[in-house]
Amino acid sequence: MPRRLRITIDYNRCVGSGICILTAPNVFRYNDQRQSEVIDPDGAPEGVVLEAAQGCPQVAITVEDADSNERLFPPADLL
C-alpha cells in the first residue's frame, strides 16, 4: 500500500515556475496568484511527486509521510 503524502508549498519561496505542474498535473495547479497549490496529494505516485518537488528551482515544496511525519524532501541540508 502506498504511503499517504503531505505536500506543502512555501509561498514565500514559490515563483510560479510551473515545473511541478508540468511534472504532476493531477497533484498541482496554479492558484489565483499564479503560484502552485496542491489539489490532490494522491494524484500521482510518490516517485512522481518527489520528482516534481526536486524540480522546483526555489525548493518551495516539502513532501512528508502523512502518517510518520518523516520528511521525504527536501533534505535538511538543502534548506
Protein backbone atom coordinates (compact mmCIF):
# COMPACT_ATOMS: atom_id res chain seq x y z
CA MET A 1 0.00 0.00 0.00
CA PRO A 2 1.47 3.38 -0.96
CA ARG A 3 2.14 5.81 1.83
CA ARG A 4 -0.01 8.90 2.23
CA LEU A 5 1.84 12.09 1.46
CA ARG A 6 1.58 15.56 2.96
CA ILE A 7 2.70 18.17 0.45
CA THR A 8 3.15 21.80 1.41
CA ILE A 9 4.27 24.81 -0.56
CA ASP A 10 6.20 27.72 0.90
CA TYR A 11 4.53 30.69 -0.77
CA ASN A 12 7.39 32.96 0.28
CA ARG A 13 9.65 30.87 -1.98
CA CYS A 14 7.33 29.84 -4.84
CA VAL A 15 7.97 31.84 -8.01
CA GLY A 16 5.42 30.00 -10.14
CA SER A 17 7.87 28.29 -12.49
CA GLY A 18 5.29 25.56 -13.08
CA ILE A 19 7.75 22.68 -13.16
CA CYS A 20 5.72 20.85 -10.51
CA ILE A 21 2.53 21.35 -12.54
CA LEU A 22 4.16 20.00 -15.69
CA THR A 23 5.59 17.02 -13.80
CA ALA A 24 2.50 16.16 -11.73
CA PRO A 25 -0.57 17.94 -13.18
CA ASN A 26 -3.00 15.88 -11.12
CA VAL A 27 -1.28 16.99 -7.91
CA PHE A 28 -0.51 20.68 -8.54
CA ARG A 29 -2.14 23.63 -10.27
CA TYR A 30 -1.76 27.42 -10.27
CA ASN A 31 -3.68 29.45 -7.71
CA ASP A 32 -5.01 32.97 -8.28
CA GLN A 33 -1.57 34.44 -7.53
CA ARG A 34 0.00 32.17 -10.19
CA GLN A 35 1.77 30.14 -7.56
CA SER A 36 1.48 26.39 -7.30
CA GLU A 37 -1.03 24.79 -4.98
CA VAL A 38 -1.77 21.19 -4.10
CA ILE A 39 -5.05 19.86 -5.44
CA ASP A 40 -4.61 16.13 -4.75
CA PRO A 41 -1.63 14.70 -2.85
CA ASP A 42 -2.67 11.24 -4.08
CA GLY A 43 -2.89 12.35 -7.73
CA ALA A 44 0.41 10.74 -8.75
CA PRO A 45 2.75 8.03 -7.48
CA GLU A 46 5.23 9.03 -4.77
CA GLY A 47 8.16 8.99 -7.20
CA VAL A 48 6.45 11.49 -9.49
CA VAL A 49 5.59 13.79 -6.56
CA LEU A 50 9.19 13.68 -5.39
CA GLU A 51 10.41 14.40 -8.93
CA ALA A 52 8.12 17.44 -9.04
CA ALA A 53 9.40 18.69 -5.68
CA GLN A 54 13.02 18.13 -6.66
CA GLY A 55 12.47 20.08 -9.87
CA CYS A 56 11.34 23.21 -8.02
CA PRO A 57 14.05 25.85 -8.57
CA GLN A 58 13.27 27.55 -5.25
CA VAL A 59 12.93 24.38 -3.11
CA ALA A 60 9.44 25.58 -2.20
CA ILE A 61 7.81 22.14 -1.96
CA THR A 62 8.01 19.93 1.12
CA VAL A 63 6.91 16.30 0.94
CA GLU A 64 6.34 14.29 4.11
CA ASP A 65 4.90 10.93 5.03
CA ALA A 66 1.48 11.93 6.41
CA ASP A 67 1.45 9.13 8.98
CA SER A 68 5.01 9.19 10.35
CA ASN A 69 5.84 12.87 9.63
CA GLU A 70 9.09 11.69 8.03
CA ARG A 71 10.40 14.35 5.65
CA LEU A 72 10.98 12.87 2.22
CA PHE A 73 12.02 16.12 0.52
CA PRO A 74 13.88 18.41 0.86
CA PRO A 75 16.70 17.05 2.98
CA ALA A 76 17.59 19.32 5.90
CA ASP A 77 20.95 20.26 4.37
CA LEU A 78 19.24 21.66 1.28
CA LEU A 79 17.37 24.36 3.18
